[in-house]
Amino acid sequence: MIGVKEAAKNAYEYMKEIPGFEERIDIVVEEVELSEDESTGKKYWLITLGYPVGFNILQPTSRSKEYKIFKVDADTGEVLSMKIRNI
């Protein structure tokens, strides 16, 4: 089984391959969770990456962020999915 550092690195590298994210240096790990599929017993890392997207009009000194959550196979390290994470 891969560790959380490798799962986060795989999610980060996967995101950097998406057009528009190749040059970003402000992507950070926000959350990690080890999840298990109850029906199969298979384990997955859920890695949330965040990045700033602009300025918040109500708080001009802070930037808004968006988040994406990646499902990473805990055995192989393969990124299986990416979703928008709403907070």
N, C-alpha and C. Protein backbone atom coordinates (compact mmCIF):
# COMPACT_ATOMS: atom_id res chain seq x y z
N MET A 1 0.84 -1.18 0.00
CA MET A 1 0.00 0.00 0.00
C MET A 1 0.89 1.25 0.00
N ILE A 2 0.49 2.24 -0.80
CA ILE A 2 1.26 3.48 -0.85
C ILE A 2 0.89 4.36 0.35
N GLY A 3 1.79 5.24 0.73
CA GLY A 3 1.55 6.16 1.82
C GLY A 3 0.88 7.44 1.34
N VAL A 4 0.53 8.26 2.30
CA VAL A 4 -0.18 9.50 2.00
C VAL A 4 0.68 10.47 1.17
N LYS A 5 1.99 10.49 1.42
CA LYS A 5 2.85 11.41 0.67
C LYS A 5 2.86 11.05 -0.82
N GLU A 6 2.96 9.76 -1.12
CA GLU A 6 2.97 9.33 -2.52
C GLU A 6 1.61 9.58 -3.17
N ALA A 7 0.52 9.33 -2.43
CA ALA A 7 -0.82 9.57 -2.98
C ALA A 7 -1.01 11.05 -3.29
N ALA A 8 -0.56 11.93 -2.39
CA ALA A 8 -0.67 13.37 -2.62
C ALA A 8 0.18 13.80 -3.81
N LYS A 9 1.38 13.25 -3.91
CA LYS A 9 2.26 13.58 -5.04
C LYS A 9 1.62 13.15 -6.35
N ASN A 10 1.01 11.96 -6.38
CA ASN A 10 0.36 11.47 -7.60
C ASN A 10 -0.81 12.37 -7.99
N ALA A 11 -1.60 12.80 -7.00
CA ALA A 11 -2.72 13.70 -7.29
C ALA A 11 -2.21 15.03 -7.84
N TYR A 12 -1.16 15.55 -7.22
CA TYR A 12 -0.56 16.82 -7.66
C TYR A 12 -0.04 16.70 -9.10
N GLU A 13 0.70 15.64 -9.38
CA GLU A 13 1.24 15.44 -10.73
C GLU A 13 0.12 15.27 -11.76
N TYR A 14 -0.93 14.59 -11.37
CA TYR A 14 -2.08 14.41 -12.25
C TYR A 14 -2.70 15.77 -12.58
N MET A 15 -2.88 16.59 -11.56
CA MET A 15 -3.47 17.92 -11.77
C MET A 15 -2.60 18.78 -12.66
N LYS A 16 -1.29 18.69 -12.50
CA LYS A 16 -0.37 19.50 -13.31
C LYS A 16 -0.40 19.12 -14.79
N GLU A 17 -0.96 17.96 -15.13
CA GLU A 17 -1.08 17.55 -16.54
C GLU A 17 -2.33 18.12 -17.21
N ILE A 18 -3.21 18.72 -16.43
CA ILE A 18 -4.44 19.29 -16.97
C ILE A 18 -4.13 20.67 -17.55
N PRO A 19 -4.57 20.94 -18.77
CA PRO A 19 -4.33 22.26 -19.35
C PRO A 19 -4.83 23.37 -18.43
N GLY A 20 -3.99 24.38 -18.25
CA GLY A 20 -4.31 25.49 -17.37
C GLY A 20 -3.67 25.37 -16.00
N PHE A 21 -3.22 24.19 -15.66
CA PHE A 21 -2.59 23.97 -14.35
C PHE A 21 -1.10 23.66 -14.47
N GLU A 22 -0.57 23.54 -15.69
CA GLU A 22 0.81 23.12 -15.88
C GLU A 22 1.83 24.03 -15.20
N GLU A 23 1.58 25.33 -15.22
CA GLU A 23 2.54 26.30 -14.70
C GLU A 23 2.23 26.77 -13.28
N ARG A 24 1.16 26.30 -12.70
CA ARG A 24 0.78 26.77 -11.37
C ARG A 24 1.75 26.27 -10.32
N ILE A 25 2.15 27.16 -9.43
CA ILE A 25 3.03 26.78 -8.33
C ILE A 25 2.33 26.96 -6.98
N ASP A 26 1.05 27.34 -7.03
CA ASP A 26 0.31 27.65 -5.81
C ASP A 26 -0.72 26.59 -5.43
N ILE A 27 -0.54 25.36 -5.91
CA ILE A 27 -1.43 24.26 -5.58
C ILE A 27 -0.94 23.64 -4.27
N VAL A 28 -1.85 23.49 -3.31
CA VAL A 28 -1.46 22.94 -2.01
C VAL A 28 -2.40 21.82 -1.59
N VAL A 29 -1.86 20.91 -0.78
CA VAL A 29 -2.67 19.84 -0.21
C VAL A 29 -3.49 20.44 0.93
N GLU A 30 -4.80 20.24 0.88
CA GLU A 30 -5.70 20.78 1.89
C GLU A 30 -6.21 19.70 2.84
N GLU A 31 -6.53 18.52 2.30
CA GLU A 31 -7.08 17.43 3.11
C GLU A 31 -6.61 16.09 2.56
N VAL A 32 -6.50 15.12 3.45
CA VAL A 32 -6.23 13.73 3.05
C VAL A 32 -7.09 12.82 3.90
N GLU A 33 -7.52 11.72 3.29
CA GLU A 33 -8.34 10.76 4.01
C GLU A 33 -8.14 9.39 3.38
N LEU A 34 -7.99 8.38 4.21
CA LEU A 34 -7.93 7.00 3.73
C LEU A 34 -9.35 6.44 3.84
N SER A 35 -9.90 6.02 2.72
CA SER A 35 -11.28 5.54 2.66
C SER A 35 -11.28 4.08 2.23
N GLU A 36 -12.31 3.36 2.66
CA GLU A 36 -12.43 1.95 2.28
C GLU A 36 -13.81 1.70 1.71
N ASP A 37 -13.85 1.01 0.57
CA ASP A 37 -15.11 0.60 -0.04
C ASP A 37 -15.63 -0.58 0.78
N GLU A 38 -16.77 -0.41 1.42
CA GLU A 38 -17.30 -1.45 2.30
C GLU A 38 -17.64 -2.74 1.57
N SER A 39 -18.05 -2.64 0.31
CA SER A 39 -18.45 -3.84 -0.41
C SER A 39 -17.26 -4.67 -0.90
N THR A 40 -16.15 -4.01 -1.19
CA THR A 40 -14.99 -4.74 -1.74
C THR A 40 -13.80 -4.77 -0.79
N GLY A 41 -13.77 -3.89 0.18
CA GLY A 41 -12.62 -3.80 1.08
C GLY A 41 -11.44 -3.05 0.48
N LYS A 42 -11.61 -2.55 -0.75
CA LYS A 42 -10.55 -1.81 -1.44
C LYS A 42 -10.37 -0.45 -0.78
N LYS A 43 -9.10 -0.03 -0.64
CA LYS A 43 -8.81 1.25 0.00
C LYS A 43 -8.40 2.30 -1.02
N TYR A 44 -8.79 3.54 -0.72
CA TYR A 44 -8.50 4.68 -1.58
C TYR A 44 -8.06 5.85 -0.72
N TRP A 45 -7.12 6.61 -1.26
CA TRP A 45 -6.76 7.89 -0.66
C TRP A 45 -7.63 8.95 -1.32
N LEU A 46 -8.25 9.81 -0.52
CA LEU A 46 -8.99 10.96 -1.03
C LEU A 46 -8.14 12.18 -0.71
N ILE A 47 -7.61 12.81 -1.75
CA ILE A 47 -6.68 13.92 -1.62
C ILE A 47 -7.35 15.18 -2.15
N THR A 48 -7.48 16.21 -1.31
CA THR A 48 -8.05 17.48 -1.74
C THR A 48 -6.92 18.47 -1.96
N LEU A 49 -6.87 19.02 -3.17
CA LEU A 49 -5.89 20.05 -3.52
C LEU A 49 -6.63 21.37 -3.69
N GLY A 50 -6.02 22.45 -3.22
CA GLY A 50 -6.63 23.77 -3.34
C GLY A 50 -5.71 24.73 -4.07
N TYR A 51 -6.32 25.76 -4.67
CA TYR A 51 -5.55 26.76 -5.41
C TYR A 51 -6.36 28.06 -5.44
N PRO A 52 -5.69 29.21 -5.37
CA PRO A 52 -6.39 30.50 -5.42
C PRO A 52 -6.94 30.77 -6.82
N VAL A 53 -8.08 31.46 -6.86
CA VAL A 53 -8.72 31.74 -8.16
C VAL A 53 -9.01 33.21 -8.40
N GLY A 54 -8.75 34.05 -7.46
CA GLY A 54 -9.04 35.47 -7.66
C GLY A 54 -9.22 36.18 -6.34
N PHE A 55 -9.77 37.34 -6.42
CA PHE A 55 -9.93 38.15 -5.22
C PHE A 55 -11.38 38.12 -4.76
N ASN A 56 -11.57 38.13 -3.47
CA ASN A 56 -12.87 38.17 -2.86
C ASN A 56 -13.26 39.64 -2.70
N ILE A 57 -14.36 40.05 -3.31
CA ILE A 57 -14.78 41.46 -3.27
C ILE A 57 -15.04 41.92 -1.83
N LEU A 58 -15.58 41.03 -1.01
CA LEU A 58 -15.89 41.40 0.38
C LEU A 58 -14.65 41.51 1.25
N GLN A 59 -13.59 40.79 0.86
CA GLN A 59 -12.32 40.84 1.59
C GLN A 59 -11.19 40.99 0.58
N PRO A 60 -10.92 42.23 0.14
CA PRO A 60 -9.96 42.45 -0.95
C PRO A 60 -8.56 41.94 -0.67
N THR A 61 -8.21 41.75 0.60
CA THR A 61 -6.86 41.27 0.90
C THR A 61 -6.76 39.75 0.86
N SER A 62 -7.91 39.06 0.75
CA SER A 62 -7.85 37.60 0.68
C SER A 62 -8.31 37.12 -0.70
N ARG A 63 -7.81 36.00 -1.09
CA ARG A 63 -8.17 35.43 -2.39
C ARG A 63 -9.10 34.25 -2.19
N SER A 64 -10.03 34.08 -3.11
CA SER A 64 -10.91 32.92 -3.08
C SER A 64 -10.12 31.69 -3.50
N LYS A 65 -10.56 30.54 -3.04
CA LYS A 65 -9.90 29.29 -3.43
C LYS A 65 -10.92 28.33 -4.01
N GLU A 66 -10.43 27.47 -4.86
CA GLU A 66 -11.22 26.35 -5.36
C GLU A 66 -10.48 25.09 -4.98
N TYR A 67 -11.24 23.98 -4.94
CA TYR A 67 -10.69 22.72 -4.48
C TYR A 67 -11.09 21.60 -5.43
N LYS A 68 -10.18 20.66 -5.58
CA LYS A 68 -10.47 19.44 -6.34
C LYS A 68 -10.10 18.27 -5.45
N ILE A 69 -10.94 17.22 -5.50
CA ILE A 69 -10.66 16.02 -4.71
C ILE A 69 -10.32 14.88 -5.66
N PHE A 70 -9.24 14.20 -5.34
CA PHE A 70 -8.73 13.10 -6.16
C PHE A 70 -8.87 11.79 -5.42
N LYS A 71 -9.36 10.79 -6.11
CA LYS A 71 -9.46 9.43 -5.55
C LYS A 71 -8.28 8.64 -6.10
N VAL A 72 -7.41 8.20 -5.19
CA VAL A 72 -6.18 7.51 -5.58
C VAL A 72 -6.22 6.08 -5.03
N ASP A 73 -6.00 5.10 -5.90
CA ASP A 73 -5.95 3.70 -5.48
C ASP A 73 -4.81 3.52 -4.48
N ALA A 74 -5.12 3.05 -3.28
CA ALA A 74 -4.11 2.92 -2.22
C ALA A 74 -3.12 1.79 -2.49
N ASP A 75 -3.47 0.85 -3.38
CA ASP A 75 -2.54 -0.24 -3.72
C ASP A 75 -1.58 0.14 -4.83
N THR A 76 -2.11 0.79 -5.88
CA THR A 76 -1.29 1.06 -7.06
C THR A 76 -0.81 2.51 -7.16
N GLY A 77 -1.50 3.43 -6.50
CA GLY A 77 -1.15 4.84 -6.61
C GLY A 77 -1.79 5.52 -7.81
N GLU A 78 -2.57 4.80 -8.57
CA GLU A 78 -3.22 5.37 -9.76
C GLU A 78 -4.34 6.33 -9.37
N VAL A 79 -4.38 7.49 -10.01
CA VAL A 79 -5.47 8.44 -9.80
C VAL A 79 -6.66 7.92 -10.60
N LEU A 80 -7.76 7.68 -9.89
CA LEU A 80 -8.94 7.11 -10.52
C LEU A 80 -10.00 8.14 -10.88
N SER A 81 -10.05 9.23 -10.12
CA SER A 81 -11.04 10.25 -10.44
C SER A 81 -10.63 11.60 -9.85
N MET A 82 -11.25 12.64 -10.40
CA MET A 82 -11.07 14.00 -9.92
C MET A 82 -12.43 14.67 -9.93
N LYS A 83 -12.79 15.32 -8.82
CA LYS A 83 -14.08 16.00 -8.72
C LYS A 83 -13.87 17.38 -8.14
N ILE A 84 -14.84 18.25 -8.40
CA ILE A 84 -14.85 19.57 -7.77
C ILE A 84 -15.29 19.37 -6.33
N ARG A 85 -14.57 19.96 -5.41
CA ARG A 85 -14.89 19.86 -3.97
C ARG A 85 -15.55 21.16 -3.55
N ASN A 86 -16.82 21.10 -3.21
CA ASN A 86 -17.56 22.27 -2.75
C ASN A 86 -17.45 22.36 -1.23
N ILE A 87 -17.19 23.56 -0.75
CA ILE A 87 -17.07 23.75 0.70
C ILE A 87 -18.23 24.63 1.14
